[in-house]
PDB file of N, CA and C in Angstrom:
ATOM      1  N   MET A   1     -28.743   4.311 154.455  1.00  0.00           N
ATOM      2  CA  MET A   1     -28.483   3.942 153.075  1.00  0.00           C
ATOM      3  C   MET A   1     -29.523   4.605 152.178  1.00  0.00           C
ATOM      4  N   ASP A   2     -29.060   5.228 151.141  1.00  0.00           N
ATOM      5  CA  ASP A   2     -29.924   5.912 150.189  1.00  0.00           C
ATOM      6  C   ASP A   2     -30.580   4.897 149.262  1.00  0.00           C
ATOM      7  N   ALA A   3     -31.837   5.116 148.891  1.00  0.00           N
ATOM      8  CA  ALA A   3     -32.552   4.174 148.026  1.00  0.00           C
ATOM      9  C   ALA A   3     -31.973   4.142 146.618  1.00  0.00           C
ATOM     10  N   ASP A   4     -31.321   5.222 146.187  1.00  0.00           N
ATOM     11  CA  ASP A   4     -30.766   5.264 144.841  1.00  0.00           C
ATOM     12  C   ASP A   4     -29.312   4.811 144.782  1.00  0.00           C
ATOM     13  N   SER A   5     -28.690   4.558 145.920  1.00  0.00           N
ATOM     14  CA  SER A   5     -27.293   4.139 145.902  1.00  0.00           C
ATOM     15  C   SER A   5     -27.202   2.660 145.533  1.00  0.00           C
ATOM     16  N   PRO A   6     -26.163   2.288 144.795  1.00  0.00           N
ATOM     17  CA  PRO A   6     -26.041   0.882 144.368  1.00  0.00           C
ATOM     18  C   PRO A   6     -25.675  -0.032 145.537  1.00  0.00           C
ATOM     19  N   LEU A   7     -26.182  -1.263 145.477  1.00  0.00           N
ATOM     20  CA  LEU A   7     -25.861  -2.289 146.458  1.00  0.00           C
ATOM     21  C   LEU A   7     -24.619  -3.034 145.993  1.00  0.00           C
ATOM     22  N   GLU A   8     -23.800  -3.444 146.935  1.00  0.00           N
ATOM     23  CA  GLU A   8     -22.637  -4.249 146.599  1.00  0.00           C
ATOM     24  C   GLU A   8     -22.940  -5.683 146.986  1.00  0.00           C
ATOM     25  N   PHE A   9     -22.860  -6.598 146.027  1.00  0.00           N
ATOM     26  CA  PHE A   9     -23.153  -8.010 146.260  1.00  0.00           C
ATOM     27  C   PHE A   9     -22.436  -8.844 145.207  1.00  0.00           C
ATOM     28  N   THR A  10     -22.487 -10.153 145.358  1.00  0.00           N
ATOM     29  CA  THR A  10     -21.915 -11.034 144.345  1.00  0.00           C
ATOM     30  C   THR A  10     -23.030 -11.474 143.413  1.00  0.00           C
ATOM     31  N   CYS A  11     -22.710 -11.603 142.158  1.00  0.00           N
ATOM     32  CA  CYS A  11     -23.692 -12.013 141.149  1.00  0.00           C
ATOM     33  C   CYS A  11     -24.154 -13.430 141.471  1.00  0.00           C
ATOM     34  N   PRO A  12     -25.475 -13.674 141.514  1.00  0.00           N
ATOM     35  CA  PRO A  12     -25.961 -15.017 141.831  1.00  0.00           C
ATOM     36  C   PRO A  12     -25.695 -16.023 140.714  1.00  0.00           C
ATOM     37  N   ARG A  13     -25.336 -15.557 139.536  1.00  0.00           N
ATOM     38  CA  ARG A  13     -25.116 -16.458 138.404  1.00  0.00           C
ATOM     39  C   ARG A  13     -23.646 -16.820 138.246  1.00  0.00           C
ATOM     40  N   CYS A  14     -22.769 -15.827 138.227  1.00  0.00           N
ATOM     41  CA  CYS A  14     -21.357 -16.097 137.959  1.00  0.00           C
ATOM     42  C   CYS A  14     -20.467 -15.917 139.185  1.00  0.00           C
ATOM     43  N   GLY A  15     -20.952 -15.270 140.237  1.00  0.00           N
ATOM     44  CA  GLY A  15     -20.201 -15.131 141.472  1.00  0.00           C
ATOM     45  C   GLY A  15     -19.232 -13.969 141.528  1.00  0.00           C
ATOM     46  N   THR A  16     -19.223 -13.076 140.550  1.00  0.00           N
ATOM     47  CA  THR A  16     -18.324 -11.929 140.591  1.00  0.00           C
ATOM     48  C   THR A  16     -18.929 -10.814 141.438  1.00  0.00           C
ATOM     49  N   ALA A  17     -18.058 -10.008 142.024  1.00  0.00           N
ATOM     50  CA  ALA A  17     -18.522  -8.879 142.839  1.00  0.00           C
ATOM     51  C   ALA A  17     -19.055  -7.797 141.913  1.00  0.00           C
ATOM     52  N   THR A  18     -20.186  -7.218 142.269  1.00  0.00           N
ATOM     53  CA  THR A  18     -20.807  -6.186 141.438  1.00  0.00           C
ATOM     54  C   THR A  18     -21.532  -5.185 142.332  1.00  0.00           C
ATOM     55  N   ALA A  19     -21.830  -4.032 141.796  1.00  0.00           N
ATOM     56  CA  ALA A  19     -22.591  -3.003 142.508  1.00  0.00           C
ATOM     57  C   ALA A  19     -23.680  -2.513 141.561  1.00  0.00           C
ATOM     58  N   MET A  20     -24.926  -2.786 141.945  1.00  0.00           N
ATOM     59  CA  MET A  20     -26.072  -2.390 141.125  1.00  0.00           C
ATOM     60  C   MET A  20     -27.170  -1.886 142.046  1.00  0.00           C
ATOM     61  N   ARG A  21     -28.162  -1.233 141.469  1.00  0.00           N
ATOM     62  CA  ARG A  21     -29.259  -0.672 142.242  1.00  0.00           C
ATOM     63  C   ARG A  21     -30.165  -1.765 142.808  1.00  0.00           C
ATOM     64  N   PHE A  22     -30.389  -2.847 142.034  1.00  0.00           N
ATOM     65  CA  PHE A  22     -31.239  -3.956 142.461  1.00  0.00           C
ATOM     66  C   PHE A  22     -30.438  -5.247 142.445  1.00  0.00           C
ATOM     67  N   TYR A  23     -30.816  -6.199 143.301  1.00  0.00           N
ATOM     68  CA  TYR A  23     -30.158  -7.499 143.357  1.00  0.00           C
ATOM     69  C   TYR A  23     -30.555  -8.304 142.123  1.00  0.00           C
ATOM     70  N   GLY A  24     -29.583  -8.965 141.517  1.00  0.00           N
ATOM     71  CA  GLY A  24     -29.837  -9.800 140.360  1.00  0.00           C
ATOM     72  C   GLY A  24     -28.546 -10.077 139.632  1.00  0.00           C
ATOM     73  N   PRO A  25     -28.629 -10.639 138.436  1.00  0.00           N
ATOM     74  CA  PRO A  25     -27.414 -10.937 137.686  1.00  0.00           C
ATOM     75  C   PRO A  25     -26.673  -9.666 137.282  1.00  0.00           C
ATOM     76  N   CYS A  26     -25.351  -9.790 137.156  1.00  0.00           N
ATOM     77  CA  CYS A  26     -24.546  -8.639 136.759  1.00  0.00           C
ATOM     78  C   CYS A  26     -24.843  -8.263 135.306  1.00  0.00           C
ATOM     79  N   SER A  27     -24.289  -7.169 134.857  1.00  0.00           N
ATOM     80  CA  SER A  27     -24.566  -6.679 133.505  1.00  0.00           C
ATOM     81  C   SER A  27     -24.153  -7.685 132.439  1.00  0.00           C
ATOM     82  N   ALA A  28     -23.005  -8.332 132.607  1.00  0.00           N
ATOM     83  CA  ALA A  28     -22.536  -9.313 131.620  1.00  0.00           C
ATOM     84  C   ALA A  28     -23.467 -10.524 131.575  1.00  0.00           C
ATOM     85  N   CYS A  29     -23.895 -11.005 132.736  1.00  0.00           N
ATOM     86  CA  CYS A  29     -24.822 -12.141 132.778  1.00  0.00           C
ATOM     87  C   CYS A  29     -26.182 -11.748 132.213  1.00  0.00           C
ATOM     88  N   TYR A  30     -26.613 -10.529 132.480  1.00  0.00           N
ATOM     89  CA  TYR A  30     -27.894 -10.051 131.969  1.00  0.00           C
ATOM     90  C   TYR A  30     -27.899 -10.054 130.443  1.00  0.00           C
ATOM     91  N   VAL A  31     -26.820  -9.576 129.844  1.00  0.00           N
ATOM     92  CA  VAL A  31     -26.718  -9.555 128.380  1.00  0.00           C
ATOM     93  C   VAL A  31     -26.702 -10.979 127.834  1.00  0.00           C
ATOM     94  N   ALA A  32     -25.985 -11.885 128.491  1.00  0.00           N
ATOM     95  CA  ALA A  32     -25.918 -13.274 128.040  1.00  0.00           C
ATOM     96  C   ALA A  32     -27.276 -13.958 128.162  1.00  0.00           C
ATOM     97  N   LEU A  33     -27.987 -13.703 129.247  1.00  0.00           N
ATOM     98  CA  LEU A  33     -29.316 -14.301 129.429  1.00  0.00           C
ATOM     99  C   LEU A  33     -30.312 -13.779 128.402  1.00  0.00           C
ATOM    100  N   ARG A  34     -30.264 -12.479 128.125  1.00  0.00           N
ATOM    101  CA  ARG A  34     -31.165 -11.901 127.114  1.00  0.00           C
ATOM    102  C   ARG A  34     -30.886 -12.477 125.731  1.00  0.00           C
ATOM    103  N   ALA A  35     -29.612 -12.678 125.404  1.00  0.00           N
ATOM    104  CA  ALA A  35     -29.254 -13.225 124.100  1.00  0.00           C
ATOM    105  C   ALA A  35     -29.704 -14.679 123.987  1.00  0.00           C
ATOM    106  N   ALA A  36     -29.629 -15.440 125.070  1.00  0.00           N
ATOM    107  CA  ALA A  36     -30.009 -16.852 125.042  1.00  0.00           C
ATOM    108  C   ALA A  36     -31.529 -17.033 125.020  1.00  0.00           C
ATOM    109  N   ALA A  37     -32.269 -16.168 125.703  1.00  0.00           N
ATOM    110  CA  ALA A  37     -33.713 -16.339 125.838  1.00  0.00           C
ATOM    111  C   ALA A  37     -34.514 -15.521 124.833  1.00  0.00           C
ATOM    112  N   ASP A  38     -33.868 -14.625 124.128  1.00  0.00           N
ATOM    113  CA  ASP A  38     -34.585 -13.761 123.201  1.00  0.00           C
ATOM    114  C   ASP A  38     -34.972 -14.561 121.960  1.00  0.00           C
ATOM    115  N   GLY A  39     -36.203 -14.433 121.533  1.00  0.00           N
ATOM    116  CA  GLY A  39     -36.682 -15.166 120.370  1.00  0.00           C
ATOM    117  C   GLY A  39     -37.506 -14.288 119.461  1.00  0.00           C
ATOM    118  N   GLU A  40     -37.799 -14.794 118.316  1.00  0.00           N
ATOM    119  CA  GLU A  40     -38.615 -14.091 117.339  1.00  0.00           C
ATOM    120  C   GLU A  40     -40.092 -14.353 117.618  1.00  0.00           C
ATOM    121  N   ALA A  41     -40.904 -13.338 117.479  1.00  0.00           N
ATOM    122  CA  ALA A  41     -42.350 -13.498 117.615  1.00  0.00           C
ATOM    123  C   ALA A  41     -42.879 -14.221 116.383  1.00  0.00           C
ATOM    124  N   ARG A  42     -43.841 -15.100 116.601  1.00  0.00           N
ATOM    125  CA  ARG A  42     -44.394 -15.853 115.472  1.00  0.00           C
ATOM    126  C   ARG A  42     -45.904 -15.986 115.630  1.00  0.00           C
ATOM    127  N   GLU A  43     -46.565 -16.201 114.528  1.00  0.00           N
ATOM    128  CA  GLU A  43     -48.007 -16.369 114.502  1.00  0.00           C
ATOM    129  C   GLU A  43     -48.339 -17.820 114.861  1.00  0.00           C
ATOM    130  N   VAL A  44     -49.279 -18.018 115.787  1.00  0.00           N
ATOM    131  CA  VAL A  44     -49.665 -19.349 116.217  1.00  0.00           C
ATOM    132  C   VAL A  44     -51.104 -19.582 115.795  1.00  0.00           C
ATOM    133  N   ASP A  45     -51.342 -20.684 115.072  1.00  0.00           N
ATOM    134  CA  ASP A  45     -52.696 -21.025 114.659  1.00  0.00           C
ATOM    135  C   ASP A  45     -53.410 -21.730 115.802  1.00  0.00           C
ATOM    136  N   VAL A  46     -54.610 -21.226 116.124  1.00  0.00           N
ATOM    137  CA  VAL A  46     -55.408 -21.791 117.199  1.00  0.00           C
ATOM    138  C   VAL A  46     -56.721 -22.258 116.605  1.00  0.00           C
ATOM    139  N   ALA A  47     -57.132 -23.442 116.966  1.00  0.00           N
ATOM    140  CA  ALA A  47     -58.398 -23.977 116.462  1.00  0.00           C
ATOM    141  C   ALA A  47     -59.561 -23.167 117.021  1.00  0.00           C
ATOM    142  N   ALA A  48     -60.621 -23.052 116.233  1.00  0.00           N
ATOM    143  CA  ALA A  48     -61.803 -22.309 116.672  1.00  0.00           C
ATOM    144  C   ALA A  48     -62.468 -23.039 117.836  1.00  0.00           C
ATOM    145  N   TYR A  49     -63.044 -22.280 118.746  1.00  0.00           N
ATOM    146  CA  TYR A  49     -63.700 -22.865 119.912  1.00  0.00           C
ATOM    147  C   TYR A  49     -65.003 -23.525 119.497  1.00  0.00           C
ATOM    148  N   GLU A  50     -65.167 -24.770 119.902  1.00  0.00           N
ATOM    149  CA  GLU A  50     -66.420 -25.493 119.678  1.00  0.00           C
ATOM    150  C   GLU A  50     -66.872 -26.013 121.035  1.00  0.00           C
ATOM    151  N   PRO A  51     -68.084 -25.646 121.474  1.00  0.00           N
ATOM    152  CA  PRO A  51     -68.537 -26.082 122.792  1.00  0.00           C
ATOM    153  C   PRO A  51     -68.716 -27.597 122.851  1.00  0.00           C
ATOM    154  N   LYS A  52     -68.607 -28.141 124.057  1.00  0.00           N
ATOM    155  CA  LYS A  52     -68.778 -29.585 124.242  1.00  0.00           C
ATOM    156  C   LYS A  52     -70.226 -29.973 123.963  1.00  0.00           C
ATOM    157  N   MET A  53     -70.407 -31.166 123.457  1.00  0.00           N
ATOM    158  CA  MET A  53     -71.759 -31.621 123.134  1.00  0.00           C
ATOM    159  C   MET A  53     -72.467 -32.233 124.340  1.00  0.00           C
ATOM    160  N   ASN A  54     -71.743 -32.470 125.447  1.00  0.00           N
ATOM    161  CA  ASN A  54     -72.392 -33.060 126.621  1.00  0.00           C
ATOM    162  C   ASN A  54     -73.140 -32.028 127.458  1.00  0.00           C
ATOM    163  N   VAL A  55     -73.138 -30.762 127.055  1.00  0.00           N
ATOM    164  CA  VAL A  55     -73.858 -29.719 127.775  1.00  0.00           C
ATOM    165  C   VAL A  55     -75.300 -29.696 127.274  1.00  0.00           C
ATOM    166  N   THR A  56     -76.244 -29.784 128.202  1.00  0.00           N
ATOM    167  CA  THR A  56     -77.659 -29.770 127.807  1.00  0.00           C
ATOM    168  C   THR A  56     -78.164 -28.335 127.810  1.00  0.00           C
ATOM    169  N   PRO A  57     -78.990 -27.967 126.852  1.00  0.00           N
ATOM    170  CA  PRO A  57     -79.507 -26.598 126.807  1.00  0.00           C
ATOM    171  C   PRO A  57     -80.498 -26.349 127.949  1.00  0.00           C
ATOM    172  N   ASN A  58     -80.663 -25.086 128.273  1.00  0.00           N
ATOM    173  CA  ASN A  58     -81.581 -24.675 129.314  1.00  0.00           C
ATOM    174  C   ASN A  58     -83.010 -24.998 128.891  1.00  0.00           C
ATOM    175  N   ALA A  59     -83.833 -25.569 129.801  1.00  0.00           N
ATOM    176  CA  ALA A  59     -85.210 -25.950 129.469  1.00  0.00           C
ATOM    177  C   ALA A  59     -86.045 -24.729 129.098  1.00  0.00           C
ATOM    178  N   VAL A  60     -85.806 -23.559 129.685  1.00  0.00           N
ATOM    179  CA  VAL A  60     -86.566 -22.376 129.378  1.00  0.00           C
ATOM    180  C   VAL A  60     -86.200 -21.882 127.970  1.00  0.00           C
ATOM    181  N   ALA A  61     -84.955 -22.000 127.581  1.00  0.00           N
ATOM    182  CA  ALA A  61     -84.506 -21.515 126.284  1.00  0.00           C
ATOM    183  C   ALA A  61     -85.062 -22.368 125.160  1.00  0.00           C
ATOM    184  N   THR A  62     -85.329 -23.633 125.397  1.00  0.00           N
ATOM    185  CA  THR A  62     -85.831 -24.510 124.327  1.00  0.00           C
ATOM    186  C   THR A  62     -87.358 -24.651 124.356  1.00  0.00           C
ATOM    187  N   LYS A  63     -88.029 -23.927 125.260  1.00  0.00           N
ATOM    188  CA  LYS A  63     -89.482 -24.016 125.373  1.00  0.00           C
ATOM    189  C   LYS A  63     -90.135 -23.402 124.133  1.00  0.00           C
ATOM    190  N   ASP A  64     -91.076 -24.093 123.554  1.00  0.00           N
ATOM    191  CA  ASP A  64     -91.763 -23.598 122.346  1.00  0.00           C
ATOM    192  C   ASP A  64     -92.900 -22.669 122.653  1.00  0.00           C
TER     193      ASP A  64
END
């Protein structure tokens, strides 16, 4: 079997017979999944990092 030849299998999502290079959903299912899962990118606000106050400083660093 040639590595570039398509495999014949049934689509794991809809069960129709298909021939593709890699195992996975058929072309119709792939388009439907992309349309359902595709979303718009958006900006997410993240709070600034503030270290915990229960951490004690190093004794050498605070030496006068």
